[in-house]
Each structure stands twice: as structure tokens, then as C-alpha cells.
């Protein structure tokens, strides 16, 4: 039985407003060199290449960042750079690249990686990715990476785990790229929290029947994925996803031992993901089908622009029929905010972090994070502060007030628009008559 090719997809299209002014629409966070000499995108590429038996890496990004991506990743083949026609969040981006993967491989074991994660232990990541891809290759299921929580975090989504998964059945044969789509859509069963799971659907790329998914239509579980080892290596069923909780709920999640942070990293068979699109997101499935069929961008681009900007978590994962979780087993963070940068920067004896290429001096201060680019900085006599100074702006904020950064940036944008708007009609030109003298 031929094994499925392994490919990684890096999502590199975000803007990263919560890291302003270092991250801007002209140079978003995936192109920042926060720790060391590599950009976040380069570090993600290197982690992907470390996964055993990985055949190819693909990158999805927006048109404004295509040249930045090519510059950062000179070894990326041109045909593996997928350009979004406009920013649409992760669900449309993954539907788009799924179509290209179907055209190229027919089916594949796919590893999905955001480009803005902090994962210092590359070997541990590669081992976990190897396990996740093994589960995904052998199952009609989506696989997510769960991170063991270390604090009652209110800015991350959570995964509630069910019982450990039983051993896996044999993997189905891989279809050829020419296999036609045969969608079969079934209504997913309701869950107690209002989201949905259970049920079944056909695989539009591999034409597997609905009964092979999670068993019966009422959501009863059949035997399924997978023992990739023992204990913590075992894949577990996902009972539900929970959005960002409040402080008390987050503390209860931490104490229970049944909840992991939702990392936003996934593994699945390309054909299985397309089947889920057919079942729960037909407009995304239509895009994937048209791209897989080789239609020109001019033909499918109107479908793209009609799509909502929605995450894959909302559009697919929270309604998918069969989801398993791999306990990641490595240190992880989402570098989407200044507090995340503060957690991982090199600290002095007083807990201060200094980053950036410009000189910076911090005196009689504690718990301060400074990023200075293009201009030098001096910080004196303060504590628990974020200072970021670049050519694009200056941020000075208490760490406990960063939750309001988006609103502050909206207010700043309004001020900038007002400053550029002319106030009243322009003054009338002054005409001076020159005296006329007789010759």
C-alpha cells in the first residue's frame, strides 16, 4: 500500500495589530526578527523541514507579502507559494491551498502551521508532528495539537478532551490526483454546548462512505484513532472546543486536567478536510473543488471575494465529525501580543527585556520590555511597562492595559484621518496689482 506524501502548509498572511508598532500592514509580525537573527516565518520553515519524511512545504500569504516571503524563503519553490486574492482569515486560506494540494498530490497528510508561534525545542516539535501526521494519515479524522496549560490563560481557546482513542484501523489506499469528487453531505449532530460533532460524510476526493467516519449518524463513536505510543503519546478524542474563557473558568480548566490550549496547529488528510468542507462549509468546498479542477484564478476569484472572513476553528473544527488531539509535549506560545514577547525575551536581573537593533538603556526599572528600532531609547524609574519605538510609531503601555490596544489603534487611525483632512475651503489667492508707470 503506497504511503501518503507528507506536506506542510504555513499560514503567513496575518497582520499582527497587537504587536504595533513593530508589526504593521507593510511588515507584519511573521517577518519580524524578535529573538535571534531569524524571522518568525524562517523559524517556522525550519521547524517544518525538521519533520520526518516531509516531502514539501507550501506557504499561503497575501499579495502584499509575496516578495517578503520569497526574500525570507529563497528555497521555497514558486509553485508552492499560494497568494490569497485578499485577506480572508484561515478557513478560506486553507480551502484555497487544499484545492492546490488536491491538484498536485490527490491526497496527502497535511501539517498546518501558523507562522507566528514560539517553539524553541525543534526536536520535540518534530516528534509530535510525526505522531500527528501518522494519526491523520490512517484516519478519517482531523487532528489538532493541544498544549498543556501552565497558567489560567484567558486569551487562548481551549480543547476539552474525552477518553483516549482506541487503536487505529488500517489506513485506506491513497487516491490518484485524477479521482473525481463525490460529495455526500450529512447534518452533524448537536452537542450540549450548542456546537456540533458526530455524524458522517463522504470524502469528495477519496469517496469514502459516511459510515467509516464516527460510526452511527447519532454521533456514537466507532473504533478510531490511534495509539501513536503509550500514555501521553496517545491521541485523545476531542469533546468540544471552548472559546476564550473568563478568569474563573480558565482556573477551573487548569485544575481539571481535561483541558488543553488550542494551538491552532493541525494535521489531516487533504481528502478528509475536503470532506469536512463539503459537510459543514459548502461555499469553502466549492472554492476547493474549482481550484482542484484546475480552473483559472479569474474563474474562481469571485467565489473567493464572496466568502466571509472566518477562522478554520469556527468554520470547520467546531462542527467537524471526528477530531482527535495530540498532546504536543513541547513549550509553545502564540507570539500575537506584547505580553507573549515579554514572556520569552532574555531578561536581566530585574526582569527587564531589551530587544531591537537600536541602543537602549534601562535604569532603576523592573519588569520592563523595550523594543527599539531606528531610534535609541532610555527608560528610567518605571515598572511593568511596554515601550516599543520604531519608525512607524511609539507605544508606551502598562502591561495590564494592553487588552485595549486595538481600540487605541482605531482611535489613532481616526486622528490620523482627521489630521490629513483639509479644514474648510482653501484661502482665495491674493492678487496684487503692479503700479503702471508711463514710459
Protein backbone atom coordinates (compact mmCIF):
# COMPACT_ATOMS: atom_id res chain seq x y z
CA UNK A 1 0.00 0.00 0.00
CA UNK A 2 1.59 3.31 -1.00
CA UNK A 3 2.09 5.79 1.80
CA UNK A 4 0.67 9.29 1.56
CA UNK A 5 3.10 12.13 0.87
CA UNK A 6 3.65 14.43 3.83
CA UNK A 7 3.40 18.16 3.22
CA UNK A 8 3.36 21.22 5.49
CA UNK A 9 1.28 24.34 4.93
CA UNK A 10 2.49 27.54 6.62
CA UNK A 11 -0.14 30.23 7.15
CA UNK A 12 1.68 33.54 6.75
CA UNK A 13 -0.97 36.11 5.91
CA UNK A 14 -1.78 37.78 9.25
CA UNK A 15 -1.25 41.45 10.04
CA UNK A 16 -0.50 41.25 13.79
CA UNK A 17 -2.01 44.53 15.02
CA UNK A 18 -1.43 43.63 18.68
CA UNK A 19 2.33 43.94 18.07
CA UNK A 20 2.12 47.51 16.75
CA UNK A 21 4.31 49.44 16.01
CA UNK A 22 6.79 46.61 15.32
CA UNK A 23 4.15 44.77 13.26
CA UNK A 24 2.41 46.87 10.61
CA UNK A 25 0.47 46.17 7.40
CA UNK A 26 3.69 46.86 5.48
CA UNK A 27 5.77 44.44 7.62
CA UNK A 28 3.61 42.09 9.68
CA UNK A 29 4.82 40.02 12.59
CA UNK A 30 5.84 36.90 10.63
CA UNK A 31 8.66 38.98 9.11
CA UNK A 32 9.98 40.27 12.45
CA UNK A 33 13.26 39.15 13.99
CA UNK A 34 12.19 39.20 17.62
CA UNK A 35 14.58 36.59 19.03
CA UNK A 36 17.85 35.99 17.24
CA UNK A 37 18.58 36.58 13.59
CA UNK A 38 15.67 34.68 12.02
CA UNK A 39 12.22 35.94 11.22
CA UNK A 40 9.27 34.07 12.69
CA UNK A 41 8.48 32.79 9.19
CA UNK A 42 12.03 31.45 8.73
CA UNK A 43 11.86 29.70 12.12
CA UNK A 44 8.55 28.07 11.14
CA UNK A 45 10.03 26.92 7.83
CA UNK A 46 12.99 25.34 9.62
CA UNK A 47 10.70 23.53 12.08
CA UNK A 48 8.62 22.17 9.21
CA UNK A 49 11.70 20.90 7.39
CA UNK A 50 12.73 19.02 10.55
CA UNK A 51 9.60 16.80 10.48
CA UNK A 52 10.50 13.23 9.45
CA UNK A 53 9.74 12.26 5.85
CA UNK A 54 8.24 15.64 4.97
CA UNK A 55 8.15 15.97 1.19
CA UNK A 56 7.17 19.60 0.56
CA UNK A 57 6.39 22.88 2.30
CA UNK A 58 3.74 25.28 1.00
CA UNK A 59 3.16 28.86 2.17
CA UNK A 60 -0.10 30.81 1.99
CA UNK A 61 0.12 34.60 2.20
CA UNK A 62 -1.37 37.78 0.80
CA UNK A 63 -0.24 39.59 -2.33
CA UNK A 64 1.37 42.45 -0.36
CA UNK A 65 3.68 39.94 1.33
CA UNK A 66 4.65 37.78 -1.64
CA UNK A 67 8.03 39.45 -2.18
CA UNK A 68 8.80 39.49 1.54
CA UNK A 69 8.05 35.76 1.63
CA UNK A 70 10.25 35.00 -1.39
CA UNK A 71 13.07 37.00 0.17
CA UNK A 72 12.75 35.24 3.53
CA UNK A 73 12.45 31.74 1.98
CA UNK A 74 14.64 31.59 -1.13
CA UNK A 75 14.36 27.77 -1.23
CA UNK A 76 10.55 27.85 -1.47
CA UNK A 77 9.51 26.66 -4.96
CA UNK A 78 7.49 29.28 -6.81
CA UNK A 79 4.59 26.86 -7.32
CA UNK A 80 4.38 26.28 -3.54
CA UNK A 81 3.66 29.93 -2.77
CA UNK A 82 -0.14 30.39 -2.72
CA UNK A 83 -1.29 34.02 -2.93
CA UNK A 84 -4.65 34.96 -1.44
CA UNK A 85 -6.57 37.46 -3.59
CA UNK A 86 -7.48 39.33 -0.36
CA UNK A 87 -7.22 38.81 3.39
CA UNK A 88 -9.91 36.33 4.49
CA UNK A 89 -8.67 34.56 7.66
CA UNK A 90 -7.64 30.92 7.96
CA UNK A 91 -10.69 29.00 6.67
CA UNK A 92 -10.66 30.45 3.14
CA UNK A 93 -6.85 30.28 3.06
CA UNK A 94 -6.90 26.57 3.88
CA UNK A 95 -9.73 25.86 1.41
CA UNK A 96 -7.66 27.55 -1.28
CA UNK A 97 -4.47 25.63 -0.58
CA UNK A 98 -6.46 22.40 -0.21
CA UNK A 99 -7.51 22.79 -3.84
CA UNK A 100 -3.90 23.20 -4.93
CA UNK A 101 -2.82 20.18 -2.88
CA UNK A 102 -5.59 18.07 -4.44
CA UNK A 103 -4.38 19.07 -7.88
CA UNK A 104 -0.75 18.30 -7.04
CA UNK A 105 -1.00 15.14 -4.87
CA UNK A 106 -4.57 13.87 -4.99
CA UNK A 107 -4.34 13.15 -1.28
CA UNK A 108 -1.65 13.90 1.27
CA UNK A 109 -1.02 14.01 5.00
CA UNK A 110 -1.05 17.75 5.69
CA UNK A 111 0.55 19.61 8.59
CA UNK A 112 -0.86 23.12 9.16
CA UNK A 113 1.42 25.63 10.92
CA UNK A 114 0.83 29.31 11.68
CA UNK A 115 3.94 31.42 11.06
CA UNK A 116 3.89 33.28 14.39
CA UNK A 117 4.49 30.60 17.01
CA UNK A 118 7.30 30.36 19.56
CA UNK A 119 8.56 26.76 19.78
CA UNK A 120 12.16 26.59 20.99
CA UNK A 121 12.51 22.77 21.04
CA UNK A 122 12.55 21.82 17.36
CA UNK A 123 13.23 18.13 18.04
CA UNK A 124 10.22 17.80 20.37
CA UNK A 125 8.05 19.61 17.84
CA UNK A 126 9.19 17.32 15.02
CA UNK A 127 8.40 14.23 17.11
CA UNK A 128 4.89 15.50 17.91
CA UNK A 129 4.27 16.43 14.28
CA UNK A 130 5.40 12.96 13.25
CA UNK A 131 2.81 11.42 15.60
CA UNK A 132 0.06 13.77 14.44
CA UNK A 133 0.73 13.03 10.77
CA UNK A 134 0.71 9.30 11.49
CA UNK A 135 -2.74 9.60 13.07
CA UNK A 136 -4.02 11.82 10.26
CA UNK A 137 -2.71 9.52 7.52
CA UNK A 138 -4.51 6.48 8.90
CA UNK A 139 -7.85 8.02 9.89
CA UNK A 140 -10.89 9.83 8.57
CA UNK A 141 -10.37 12.48 11.24
CA UNK A 142 -8.88 15.90 11.83
CA UNK A 143 -6.06 16.13 14.37
CA UNK A 144 -5.23 19.16 16.50
CA UNK A 145 -2.21 19.90 18.69
CA UNK A 146 -3.14 20.56 22.31
CA UNK A 147 -0.76 22.44 24.58
CA UNK A 148 -0.57 21.60 28.29
CA UNK A 149 -1.69 24.81 30.04
CA UNK A 150 0.74 26.37 32.50
CA UNK A 151 -1.49 29.19 33.77
CA UNK A 152 -5.21 30.14 33.70
CA UNK A 153 -4.87 31.95 30.37
CA UNK A 154 -7.91 33.92 29.19
CA UNK A 155 -6.57 34.85 25.73
CA UNK A 156 -6.43 31.31 24.28
CA UNK A 157 -9.13 28.90 23.23
CA UNK A 158 -9.29 25.54 24.99
CA UNK A 159 -9.85 21.91 23.95
CA UNK A 160 -11.80 19.60 26.25
CA UNK A 161 -10.59 16.02 25.93
CA UNK A 162 -12.69 12.88 26.03
CA UNK A 163 -11.46 9.31 26.56
CA UNK A 164 -8.17 8.19 24.98
CA UNK A 165 -8.63 6.91 21.45
CA UNK A 166 -8.69 3.18 20.71
CA UNK A 167 -6.21 1.64 18.25
CA UNK A 168 -6.48 2.65 14.63
CA UNK A 169 -7.88 0.57 11.77
CA UNK A 170 -5.69 0.05 8.67
CA UNK A 171 -5.13 3.15 6.56
CA UNK A 172 -7.15 3.40 3.32
CA UNK A 173 -5.27 3.46 0.00
CA UNK A 174 -4.28 6.86 -1.36
CA UNK A 175 -6.37 8.09 -4.32
CA UNK A 176 -4.81 9.34 -7.52
CA UNK A 177 -4.91 13.06 -8.39
CA UNK A 178 -7.49 12.35 -11.06
CA UNK A 179 -10.05 10.81 -8.67
CA UNK A 180 -13.31 12.75 -9.15
CA UNK A 181 -15.14 14.43 -6.30
CA UNK A 182 -18.19 12.63 -4.92
CA UNK A 183 -19.57 14.74 -2.06
CA UNK A 184 -22.07 13.31 0.37
CA UNK A 185 -23.32 15.79 2.97
CA UNK A 186 -24.90 14.84 6.28
CA UNK A 187 -26.22 17.07 9.04
CA UNK A 188 -23.94 16.97 12.10
CA UNK A 189 -25.45 16.11 15.45
CA UNK A 190 -25.88 18.75 18.15
CA UNK A 191 -23.65 18.90 21.19
CA UNK A 192 -24.62 20.00 24.65
CA UNK A 193 -22.85 23.37 24.28
CA UNK A 194 -24.65 24.29 21.08
CA UNK A 195 -21.75 23.34 18.83
CA UNK A 196 -21.80 20.18 16.79
CA UNK A 197 -19.93 16.93 16.38
CA UNK A 198 -20.60 13.33 15.45
CA UNK A 199 -22.33 12.32 12.23
CA UNK A 200 -20.59 11.44 8.97
CA UNK A 201 -19.97 12.49 5.40
CA UNK A 202 -18.38 11.19 2.25
CA UNK A 203 -14.91 12.14 1.16
CA UNK A 204 -15.08 14.20 -2.03
CA UNK A 205 -11.52 13.35 -3.02
CA UNK A 206 -11.37 9.69 -1.98
CA UNK A 207 -15.09 8.74 -2.00
CA UNK A 208 -15.11 7.06 1.42
CA UNK A 209 -18.57 6.40 2.85
CA UNK A 210 -20.03 8.24 5.81
CA UNK A 211 -20.18 5.10 7.96
CA UNK A 212 -16.39 4.95 8.18
CA UNK A 213 -16.18 8.25 10.00
CA UNK A 214 -17.54 8.23 13.56
CA UNK A 215 -19.93 5.30 13.34
CA UNK A 216 -23.66 5.95 13.56
CA UNK A 217 -25.46 9.12 12.48
CA UNK A 218 -26.37 9.97 16.06
CA UNK A 219 -22.72 10.56 16.94
CA UNK A 220 -21.97 7.22 18.62
CA UNK A 221 -18.25 6.59 18.36
CA UNK A 222 -16.85 3.72 16.35
CA UNK A 223 -13.34 2.43 16.87
CA UNK A 224 -10.93 5.06 15.61
CA UNK A 225 -7.63 6.88 16.04
CA UNK A 226 -4.95 5.99 17.26
CA UNK A 227 -2.24 4.85 19.59
CA UNK A 228 0.97 6.53 18.49
CA UNK A 229 2.68 5.16 21.57
CA UNK A 230 1.69 4.95 25.21
CA UNK A 231 0.46 7.39 27.82
CA UNK A 232 0.85 11.00 26.70
CA UNK A 233 1.65 9.86 23.15
CA UNK A 234 -1.90 8.58 22.74
CA UNK A 235 -4.29 10.56 20.60
CA UNK A 236 -7.42 11.56 22.50
CA UNK A 237 -10.90 12.32 21.32
CA UNK A 238 -11.89 15.98 21.40
CA UNK A 239 -15.16 16.50 23.27
CA UNK A 240 -15.55 20.18 22.46
CA UNK A 241 -13.76 23.46 21.77
CA UNK A 242 -14.22 26.35 24.19
CA UNK A 243 -13.58 29.95 23.22
CA UNK A 244 -11.56 32.34 25.41
CA UNK A 245 -12.83 31.79 28.97
CA UNK A 246 -13.11 34.20 31.88
CA UNK A 247 -10.61 34.03 34.76
CA UNK A 248 -12.63 31.67 36.97
CA UNK A 249 -13.42 29.29 34.12
CA UNK A 250 -9.78 29.30 32.99
CA UNK A 251 -8.68 28.41 36.54
CA UNK A 252 -11.18 25.54 36.61
CA UNK A 253 -9.91 24.28 33.25
CA UNK A 254 -6.34 24.31 34.54
CA UNK A 255 -7.28 22.39 37.69
CA UNK A 256 -9.35 19.75 35.88
CA UNK A 257 -6.57 18.27 33.74
CA UNK A 258 -9.05 17.66 30.90
CA UNK A 259 -8.39 20.88 29.00
CA UNK A 260 -5.51 21.88 26.73
CA UNK A 261 -4.79 25.13 24.97
CA UNK A 262 -5.86 25.16 21.33
CA UNK A 263 -2.60 25.84 19.49
CA UNK A 264 -4.02 26.42 16.00
CA UNK A 265 -1.73 23.70 14.57
CA UNK A 266 -3.42 20.79 12.81
CA UNK A 267 -2.84 17.63 10.81
CA UNK A 268 -5.26 15.92 8.45
CA UNK A 269 -5.55 14.08 5.19
CA UNK A 270 -6.29 16.52 2.43
CA UNK A 271 -9.23 14.38 1.28
CA UNK A 272 -10.71 14.27 4.79
CA UNK A 273 -10.51 18.04 5.16
CA UNK A 274 -12.27 18.44 1.83
CA UNK A 275 -14.98 16.08 3.05
CA UNK A 276 -15.49 18.24 6.12
CA UNK A 277 -15.76 21.32 3.92
CA UNK A 278 -18.44 19.59 1.87
CA UNK A 279 -20.36 18.72 5.04
CA UNK A 280 -20.17 21.94 7.04
CA UNK A 281 -18.92 24.74 4.75
CA UNK A 282 -20.17 24.20 1.19
CA UNK A 283 -19.06 27.63 -0.03
CA UNK A 284 -15.49 26.80 1.02
CA UNK A 285 -15.80 23.36 -0.55
CA UNK A 286 -16.87 24.94 -3.85
CA UNK A 287 -13.71 27.04 -3.90
CA UNK A 288 -11.54 23.99 -3.18
CA UNK A 289 -13.26 21.99 -5.95
CA UNK A 290 -12.77 24.71 -8.55
CA UNK A 291 -9.09 25.17 -7.69
CA UNK A 292 -8.55 21.39 -7.64
CA UNK A 293 -10.14 21.14 -11.08
CA UNK A 294 -7.50 23.50 -12.47
CA UNK A 295 -9.78 26.45 -13.18
CA UNK A 296 -8.05 29.76 -13.78
CA UNK A 297 -7.97 32.26 -10.92
CA UNK A 298 -10.18 34.62 -12.90
CA UNK A 299 -12.89 31.94 -12.80
CA UNK A 300 -12.83 31.15 -9.06
CA UNK A 301 -11.82 34.55 -7.68
CA UNK A 302 -15.45 35.84 -7.48
CA UNK A 303 -16.17 32.87 -5.19
CA UNK A 304 -13.24 33.93 -3.02
CA UNK A 305 -14.44 37.51 -2.65
CA UNK A 306 -17.93 36.28 -1.68
CA UNK A 307 -16.54 34.26 1.26
CA UNK A 308 -16.73 35.58 4.82
CA UNK A 309 -13.51 36.27 6.72
CA UNK A 310 -13.70 33.37 9.18
CA UNK A 311 -11.27 31.16 11.04
CA UNK A 312 -10.99 27.45 10.38
CA UNK A 313 -11.87 26.86 14.05
CA UNK A 314 -15.31 28.46 13.64
CA UNK A 315 -15.96 27.31 10.07
CA UNK A 316 -14.83 23.69 10.32
CA UNK A 317 -13.25 22.43 13.55
CA UNK A 318 -16.14 23.26 15.88
CA UNK A 319 -18.56 21.43 13.56
CA UNK A 320 -16.38 18.57 12.34
CA UNK A 321 -17.48 14.98 12.88
CA UNK A 322 -14.27 13.38 14.06
CA UNK A 323 -11.46 15.24 15.83
CA UNK A 324 -8.52 13.93 17.80
CA UNK A 325 -5.90 15.73 19.81
CA UNK A 326 -2.19 15.09 20.20
CA UNK A 327 -0.66 16.39 23.43
CA UNK A 328 2.13 18.49 22.00
CA UNK A 329 4.77 17.84 24.65
CA UNK A 330 6.82 20.96 23.84
CA UNK A 331 6.99 24.55 25.04
CA UNK A 332 4.78 26.79 22.91
CA UNK A 333 3.39 30.29 22.71
CA UNK A 334 1.45 32.38 20.22
CA UNK A 335 3.56 35.48 19.57
CA UNK A 336 0.49 37.60 18.89
CA UNK A 337 0.90 40.18 21.65
CA UNK A 338 3.50 42.14 23.56
CA UNK A 339 2.82 40.05 26.66
CA UNK A 340 3.85 36.93 24.71
CA UNK A 341 7.05 38.66 23.58
CA UNK A 342 7.65 39.71 27.19
CA UNK A 343 7.33 36.09 28.37
CA UNK A 344 10.14 34.83 26.14
CA UNK A 345 12.62 37.66 25.77
CA UNK A 346 16.04 37.49 27.52
CA UNK A 347 15.73 39.07 30.98
CA UNK A 348 18.21 40.92 33.15
CA UNK A 349 18.35 40.58 36.94
CA UNK A 350 15.37 42.96 37.31
CA UNK A 351 13.14 41.20 34.81
CA UNK A 352 13.72 43.71 32.02
CA UNK A 353 13.76 42.64 28.36
CA UNK A 354 15.57 44.68 25.71
CA UNK A 355 15.06 43.86 22.02
CA UNK A 356 15.68 45.52 18.68
CA UNK A 357 18.66 46.86 16.79
CA UNK A 358 18.95 50.35 18.33
CA UNK A 359 20.78 51.11 21.60
CA UNK A 360 18.56 51.11 24.70
CA UNK A 361 19.35 51.84 28.35
CA UNK A 362 17.05 50.74 31.18
CA UNK A 363 17.84 52.08 34.68
CA UNK A 364 16.11 51.79 38.06
CA UNK A 365 13.27 49.87 36.40
CA UNK A 366 11.79 46.39 36.68
CA UNK A 367 9.52 44.24 34.55
CA UNK A 368 10.02 46.50 31.52
CA UNK A 369 10.12 45.27 27.92
CA UNK A 370 11.75 47.61 25.40
CA UNK A 371 11.94 47.19 21.65
CA UNK A 372 13.95 49.96 19.99
CA UNK A 373 14.39 50.11 16.22
CA UNK A 374 15.90 53.02 14.28
CA UNK A 375 15.92 55.29 17.36
CA UNK A 376 17.76 54.90 20.69
CA UNK A 377 15.74 54.64 23.89
CA UNK A 378 16.26 55.47 27.57
CA UNK A 379 13.86 54.10 30.22
CA UNK A 380 14.19 55.19 33.85
CA UNK A 381 12.30 54.62 37.06
CA UNK A 382 9.30 52.65 35.81
CA UNK A 383 7.94 49.13 36.20
CA UNK A 384 5.70 46.68 34.33
CA UNK A 385 5.81 48.71 31.14
CA UNK A 386 5.99 48.00 27.41
CA UNK A 387 7.92 50.50 25.26
CA UNK A 388 8.17 49.89 21.52
CA UNK A 389 9.69 52.58 19.31
CA UNK A 390 10.09 52.18 15.55
CA UNK A 391 9.95 54.44 12.51
CA UNK A 392 6.21 53.65 12.34
CA UNK A 393 5.28 54.83 15.81
CA UNK A 394 5.79 54.64 19.57
CA UNK A 395 3.87 52.53 22.08
CA UNK A 396 4.08 53.14 25.82
CA UNK A 397 1.68 50.97 27.80
CA UNK A 398 1.30 49.30 31.16
CA UNK A 399 1.24 45.54 30.83
CA UNK A 400 -2.18 45.43 32.46
CA UNK A 401 -3.68 47.77 29.85
CA UNK A 402 -2.62 46.04 26.62
CA UNK A 403 -6.05 44.48 26.12
CA UNK A 404 -7.20 47.90 24.88
CA UNK A 405 -4.52 48.25 22.19
CA UNK A 406 -6.84 47.51 19.27
CA UNK A 407 -9.28 50.21 20.35
CA UNK A 408 -6.42 52.67 20.85
CA UNK A 409 -5.13 51.96 17.34
CA UNK A 410 -8.61 52.54 15.92
CA UNK A 411 -8.69 55.90 17.71
CA UNK A 412 -5.22 56.74 16.38
CA UNK A 413 -6.30 55.90 12.83
CA UNK A 414 -9.26 58.28 13.20
CA UNK A 415 -6.95 61.02 14.46
CA UNK A 416 -4.62 60.50 11.52
CA UNK A 417 -7.52 60.72 9.08
CA UNK A 418 -8.67 63.95 10.71
CA UNK A 419 -5.16 65.38 10.52
CA UNK A 420 -4.99 64.67 6.79
CA UNK A 421 -8.42 66.12 6.04
CA UNK A 422 -8.41 69.78 4.85
CA UNK A 423 -10.21 72.13 7.26
CA UNK A 424 -12.58 74.43 5.31
CA UNK A 425 -12.13 75.86 1.83
CA UNK A 426 -8.65 76.86 0.72
CA UNK A 427 -7.89 80.60 1.04
CA UNK A 428 -8.53 82.73 -2.02
CA UNK A 429 -5.40 83.71 -3.90
CA UNK A 430 -4.09 87.21 -3.24
CA UNK A 431 -3.78 89.27 -6.43
CA UNK A 432 -1.53 92.33 -6.25
CA UNK A 433 -1.68 94.92 -8.98
CA UNK A 434 1.63 96.36 -10.02
CA UNK A 435 1.70 100.13 -10.50
CA UNK A 436 1.84 101.20 -14.12
CA UNK A 437 4.31 103.93 -14.97
CA UNK A 438 4.45 105.95 -18.15
CA UNK A 439 7.40 105.30 -20.37
